[in-house]
N, C-alpha and C. Protein backbone atom coordinates (compact mmCIF):
# COMPACT_ATOMS: atom_id res chain seq x y z
N MET A 1 0.67 -0.93 -0.26
CA MET A 1 -0.30 0.58 0.13
C MET A 1 0.43 0.77 -0.01
N ASP A 2 0.89 2.53 -0.85
CA ASP A 2 1.47 2.99 -1.29
C ASP A 2 1.04 4.35 -0.11
N ALA A 3 1.92 5.17 -0.11
CA ALA A 3 0.79 6.35 1.41
C ALA A 3 0.23 7.25 1.08
N GLY A 4 -0.01 7.17 2.35
CA GLY A 4 -1.93 8.02 1.80
C GLY A 4 -3.31 7.05 0.74
N GLU A 5 -3.37 5.81 0.84
CA GLU A 5 -3.58 5.07 -0.45
C GLU A 5 -4.41 4.66 0.23
N ASP A 6 -5.98 4.91 -0.20
CA ASP A 6 -6.96 4.01 -0.33
C ASP A 6 -6.20 2.74 0.43
N PRO A 7 -6.76 1.54 1.55
CA PRO A 7 -6.58 0.27 2.03
C PRO A 7 -7.51 -1.21 0.62
N LEU A 8 -8.93 -0.18 0.76
CA LEU A 8 -9.22 -0.87 -0.86
C LEU A 8 -9.00 -0.49 -1.85
N VAL A 9 -7.91 1.07 -2.07
CA VAL A 9 -7.97 0.37 -3.41
C VAL A 9 -6.63 -0.03 -3.71
N ALA A 10 -6.12 -0.03 -2.54
CA ALA A 10 -4.32 -1.10 -3.60
C ALA A 10 -5.13 -2.03 -3.05
N LEU A 11 -5.77 -2.69 -2.48
CA LEU A 11 -5.82 -4.40 -2.17
C LEU A 11 -6.21 -4.66 -3.65
N GLN A 12 -7.21 -4.31 -4.25
CA GLN A 12 -8.38 -4.04 -5.77
C GLN A 12 -6.48 -3.82 -6.97
N ARG A 13 -5.88 -2.43 -6.76
CA ARG A 13 -4.87 -2.52 -7.22
C ARG A 13 -4.15 -4.05 -7.52
N GLU A 14 -2.92 -4.33 -6.06
CA GLU A 14 -2.08 -5.24 -5.99
C GLU A 14 -2.60 -5.90 -6.32
N CYS A 15 -4.04 -6.59 -6.62
CA CYS A 15 -4.43 -8.50 -7.18
C CYS A 15 -4.38 -8.09 -8.24
N LEU A 16 -4.81 -6.46 -8.99
CA LEU A 16 -4.39 -7.20 -10.37
C LEU A 16 -3.27 -7.34 -11.20
N GLU A 17 -2.78 -6.00 -10.45
CA GLU A 17 -0.84 -6.18 -10.60
C GLU A 17 0.18 -7.60 -10.54
N GLU A 18 -0.54 -7.76 -9.55
CA GLU A 18 -0.05 -9.85 -8.85
C GLU A 18 -0.69 -10.91 -9.71
N THR A 19 -1.86 -10.30 -10.31
CA THR A 19 -2.03 -12.30 -10.35
C THR A 19 -3.05 -12.28 -11.53
N GLY A 20 -3.78 -10.36 -12.01
CA GLY A 20 -4.14 -10.54 -13.47
C GLY A 20 -5.65 -10.68 -13.32
N LEU A 21 -5.90 -11.10 -11.32
CA LEU A 21 -7.09 -10.37 -11.49
C LEU A 21 -7.81 -9.52 -10.90
N ALA A 22 -9.13 -8.80 -11.68
CA ALA A 22 -9.49 -7.28 -11.56
C ALA A 22 -11.27 -7.75 -9.97
N VAL A 23 -10.54 -7.72 -8.74
CA VAL A 23 -11.61 -8.10 -7.39
C VAL A 23 -12.49 -7.45 -7.12
N LYS A 24 -13.40 -7.74 -5.81
CA LYS A 24 -14.86 -6.85 -5.54
C LYS A 24 -14.41 -6.97 -4.35
N VAL A 25 -14.22 -5.98 -3.60
CA VAL A 25 -14.06 -6.63 -2.11
C VAL A 25 -15.65 -6.54 -1.16
N THR A 26 -15.42 -8.50 -0.55
CA THR A 26 -17.15 -8.52 -0.02
C THR A 26 -16.59 -8.65 1.81
N ARG A 27 -15.82 -9.09 2.22
CA ARG A 27 -15.71 -8.08 3.97
C ARG A 27 -14.15 -8.28 3.98
N LEU A 28 -14.17 -7.57 4.81
CA LEU A 28 -12.26 -7.78 5.84
C LEU A 28 -12.96 -8.48 7.04
N VAL A 29 -11.85 -9.99 7.23
CA VAL A 29 -11.63 -11.12 7.53
C VAL A 29 -10.69 -10.94 8.51
N ASP A 30 -10.02 -9.76 8.89
CA ASP A 30 -8.68 -9.35 9.87
C ASP A 30 -8.24 -8.00 10.21
N VAL A 31 -7.33 -7.64 10.97
CA VAL A 31 -6.07 -7.57 11.37
C VAL A 31 -5.13 -7.88 12.52
N ILE A 32 -4.33 -8.05 11.44
CA ILE A 32 -3.03 -8.21 12.99
C ILE A 32 -1.93 -7.84 12.61
N PRO A 33 -1.00 -6.91 13.87
CA PRO A 33 -0.38 -6.77 14.22
C PRO A 33 1.08 -7.26 14.20
N GLY A 34 1.56 -6.22 13.80
CA GLY A 34 2.75 -7.16 13.89
C GLY A 34 4.22 -7.50 12.85
N ARG A 35 4.12 -8.26 12.46
CA ARG A 35 6.05 -7.29 11.27
C ARG A 35 6.22 -9.45 11.01
N ALA A 36 6.09 -9.92 10.41
CA ALA A 36 6.59 -11.51 9.46
C ALA A 36 8.33 -10.78 9.36
N HIS A 37 8.58 -9.87 8.28
CA HIS A 37 9.73 -10.21 8.50
C HIS A 37 10.71 -8.49 8.42
N PRO A 38 11.65 -8.50 8.46
CA PRO A 38 12.36 -7.49 8.19
C PRO A 38 11.77 -6.50 7.30
N HIS A 39 11.59 -6.52 5.75
CA HIS A 39 11.10 -5.39 5.77
C HIS A 39 9.53 -5.77 5.69
N GLY A 40 8.86 -6.13 6.43
CA GLY A 40 6.95 -6.60 5.40
C GLY A 40 6.52 -5.46 6.94
N ALA A 41 5.60 -5.07 6.79
CA ALA A 41 4.68 -4.01 7.39
C ALA A 41 4.57 -4.33 9.13
N ASP A 42 3.80 -3.35 9.37
CA ASP A 42 3.48 -3.59 11.02
C ASP A 42 2.22 -4.28 11.01
N LEU A 43 1.12 -3.63 9.52
CA LEU A 43 -0.13 -3.72 10.14
C LEU A 43 -0.96 -5.65 9.16
N LEU A 44 -0.86 -5.99 9.30
CA LEU A 44 -1.57 -7.07 8.32
C LEU A 44 -3.55 -6.34 7.73
N LEU A 45 -3.74 -6.46 6.67
CA LEU A 45 -4.66 -6.30 6.50
C LEU A 45 -5.12 -7.24 6.02
N VAL A 46 -6.61 -8.09 6.12
CA VAL A 46 -6.80 -9.30 5.33
C VAL A 46 -8.19 -9.43 5.29
N TYR A 47 -8.27 -8.53 3.67
CA TYR A 47 -9.70 -8.79 2.98
C TYR A 47 -10.41 -10.43 2.50
N GLN A 48 -11.60 -10.46 2.29
CA GLN A 48 -11.93 -11.85 1.78
C GLN A 48 -12.39 -10.77 0.40
N ALA A 49 -12.35 -11.59 -1.01
CA ALA A 49 -12.40 -10.92 -2.41
C ALA A 49 -13.24 -11.25 -2.84
N GLU A 50 -14.04 -11.45 -4.16
CA GLU A 50 -14.45 -11.83 -5.30
C GLU A 50 -14.29 -11.80 -6.79
N VAL A 51 -13.43 -12.94 -7.78
CA VAL A 51 -13.40 -12.22 -8.82
C VAL A 51 -14.32 -11.80 -10.04
N ILE A 52 -14.35 -10.97 -10.41
CA ILE A 52 -14.34 -9.97 -10.96
C ILE A 52 -14.49 -10.03 -12.69
N ALA A 53 -13.60 -9.89 -12.83
CA ALA A 53 -12.68 -10.35 -14.36
C ALA A 53 -11.23 -10.60 -14.39
N GLY A 54 -10.74 -10.83 -15.67
CA GLY A 54 -9.13 -11.52 -16.38
C GLY A 54 -8.97 -12.87 -15.42
N GLU A 55 -8.11 -12.79 -16.56
CA GLU A 55 -7.45 -14.65 -15.97
C GLU A 55 -6.13 -14.15 -15.31
N LEU A 56 -6.24 -15.42 -14.28
CA LEU A 56 -5.52 -15.35 -13.35
C LEU A 56 -3.94 -15.84 -14.16
N ARG A 57 -2.73 -15.10 -13.47
CA ARG A 57 -1.63 -14.63 -14.25
C ARG A 57 -0.91 -14.73 -13.18
N PRO A 58 0.41 -15.07 -13.13
CA PRO A 58 1.78 -14.94 -12.15
C PRO A 58 2.03 -12.78 -12.90
N GLY A 59 2.22 -12.09 -12.00
CA GLY A 59 2.80 -11.01 -11.35
C GLY A 59 4.11 -10.97 -12.18
N ASP A 60 4.75 -10.43 -12.01
CA ASP A 60 6.74 -10.03 -12.72
C ASP A 60 7.75 -11.19 -12.20
N ASP A 61 7.27 -11.11 -10.01
CA ASP A 61 8.34 -11.26 -9.38
C ASP A 61 7.20 -12.45 -9.19
N ALA A 62 7.11 -13.59 -9.44
CA ALA A 62 6.82 -15.00 -9.72
C ALA A 62 6.59 -15.90 -11.40
N GLY A 63 6.92 -16.97 -10.84
CA GLY A 63 6.97 -17.60 -11.43
C GLY A 63 6.30 -18.35 -12.19
N GLN A 64 4.97 -17.81 -11.31
CA GLN A 64 3.86 -19.27 -12.21
C GLN A 64 2.40 -18.35 -10.92
N ALA A 65 1.09 -19.60 -11.29
CA ALA A 65 0.31 -18.81 -10.43
C ALA A 65 -0.48 -19.28 -10.20
N ALA A 66 -1.36 -20.20 -9.49
CA ALA A 66 -2.77 -20.81 -9.51
C ALA A 66 -4.32 -20.95 -8.54
N PHE A 67 -4.52 -21.28 -8.49
CA PHE A 67 -5.63 -21.85 -7.91
C PHE A 67 -5.29 -23.03 -7.33
N PHE A 68 -5.93 -23.61 -5.11
CA PHE A 68 -5.69 -24.75 -4.43
C PHE A 68 -7.07 -24.11 -4.05
N GLN A 69 -7.22 -25.55 -3.53
CA GLN A 69 -8.42 -26.04 -2.71
C GLN A 69 -7.71 -25.78 -1.00
N LEU A 70 -8.28 -25.81 -0.13
CA LEU A 70 -8.08 -25.12 1.28
C LEU A 70 -7.11 -26.37 1.56
N ASN A 71 -6.94 -27.81 1.21
CA ASN A 71 -6.94 -28.41 2.41
C ASN A 71 -5.61 -29.20 0.84
N LEU A 72 -4.94 -28.53 0.03
CA LEU A 72 -4.06 -28.70 -0.67
C LEU A 72 -3.29 -27.69 -0.89
N LEU A 73 -3.19 -27.04 -0.10
CA LEU A 73 -1.94 -26.04 -0.33
C LEU A 73 -0.30 -25.64 -0.45
N PRO A 74 -0.06 -25.39 -0.78
CA PRO A 74 1.21 -25.55 -0.03
C PRO A 74 1.64 -25.03 0.62
N SER A 75 2.99 -25.15 0.90
CA SER A 75 4.22 -24.58 2.30
C SER A 75 3.54 -22.66 1.65
N LEU A 76 3.30 -22.16 3.21
CA LEU A 76 3.13 -20.65 3.39
C LEU A 76 4.28 -20.23 3.90
N ALA A 77 4.55 -19.08 3.14
CA ALA A 77 5.89 -18.93 3.79
C ALA A 77 5.53 -18.01 5.23
N PHE A 78 4.23 -16.98 5.66
CA PHE A 78 4.09 -16.77 6.52
C PHE A 78 3.06 -17.33 7.46
N GLU A 79 3.68 -17.25 8.69
CA GLU A 79 2.88 -17.48 9.71
C GLU A 79 1.50 -16.98 9.95
N SER A 80 1.35 -15.83 9.88
CA SER A 80 -0.02 -15.24 9.80
C SER A 80 -0.45 -15.33 9.33
N THR A 81 0.19 -15.26 7.14
CA THR A 81 -0.95 -16.02 6.21
C THR A 81 -1.80 -17.80 7.02
N ALA A 82 -0.77 -18.83 6.96
CA ALA A 82 -1.40 -19.74 7.63
C ALA A 82 -2.29 -19.99 9.17
N SER A 83 -2.29 -18.16 9.66
CA SER A 83 -2.88 -18.35 11.05
C SER A 83 -4.66 -18.29 10.84
N VAL A 84 -4.03 -16.86 9.63
CA VAL A 84 -5.52 -17.42 9.01
C VAL A 84 -6.44 -17.68 8.62
N LEU A 85 -5.71 -18.33 7.64
CA LEU A 85 -6.59 -20.15 7.42
C LEU A 85 -6.94 -20.59 7.64
N ALA A 86 -6.47 -20.65 8.58
CA ALA A 86 -6.61 -21.56 9.04
C ALA A 86 -8.29 -20.95 10.49
N ARG A 87 -8.12 -19.95 10.45
CA ARG A 87 -9.30 -19.95 11.34
C ARG A 87 -11.08 -19.94 10.38
N LEU A 88 -9.94 -19.12 8.66
CA LEU A 88 -11.59 -19.69 8.05
C LEU A 88 -12.16 -20.41 7.95
N THR A 89 -11.19 -21.56 7.65
CA THR A 89 -11.76 -23.05 6.95
C THR A 89 -12.56 -23.68 8.71
N GLU A 90 -11.63 -23.65 9.98
CA GLU A 90 -12.42 -23.04 10.90
C GLU A 90 -14.34 -22.88 10.33
N LYS A 91 -14.14 -22.26 10.16
CA LYS A 91 -15.78 -21.88 9.95
C LYS A 91 -16.58 -22.67 9.39
C-alpha cells in the first residue's frame, strides 16, 4: 500500500498487478499487528474478495500462479497467512 492510499484501492491494485484478476472486496476478515519479516508491514489487513474479471497469471515477480483447494495448499511463507487460513477453514 502506498502512502496515503485507500486500503481497498491498494488491494484491488495489488490483486490486478500480481494476479491479473480484478476483484470486489466482500468483507474485512482480520487486522493482524506485527511484522512477519524485517521489510514487512507492521499491520496486515486481510480481506475476502470475489473475482469479477481477468485471467489468472503470475505478476512480474513470480514464476507461476494457480488456484488451490484450501486443504491442498503448498507451503506458506508467513505464519500470519497460515493463522488466518486456519481460522477461515474452522467456520
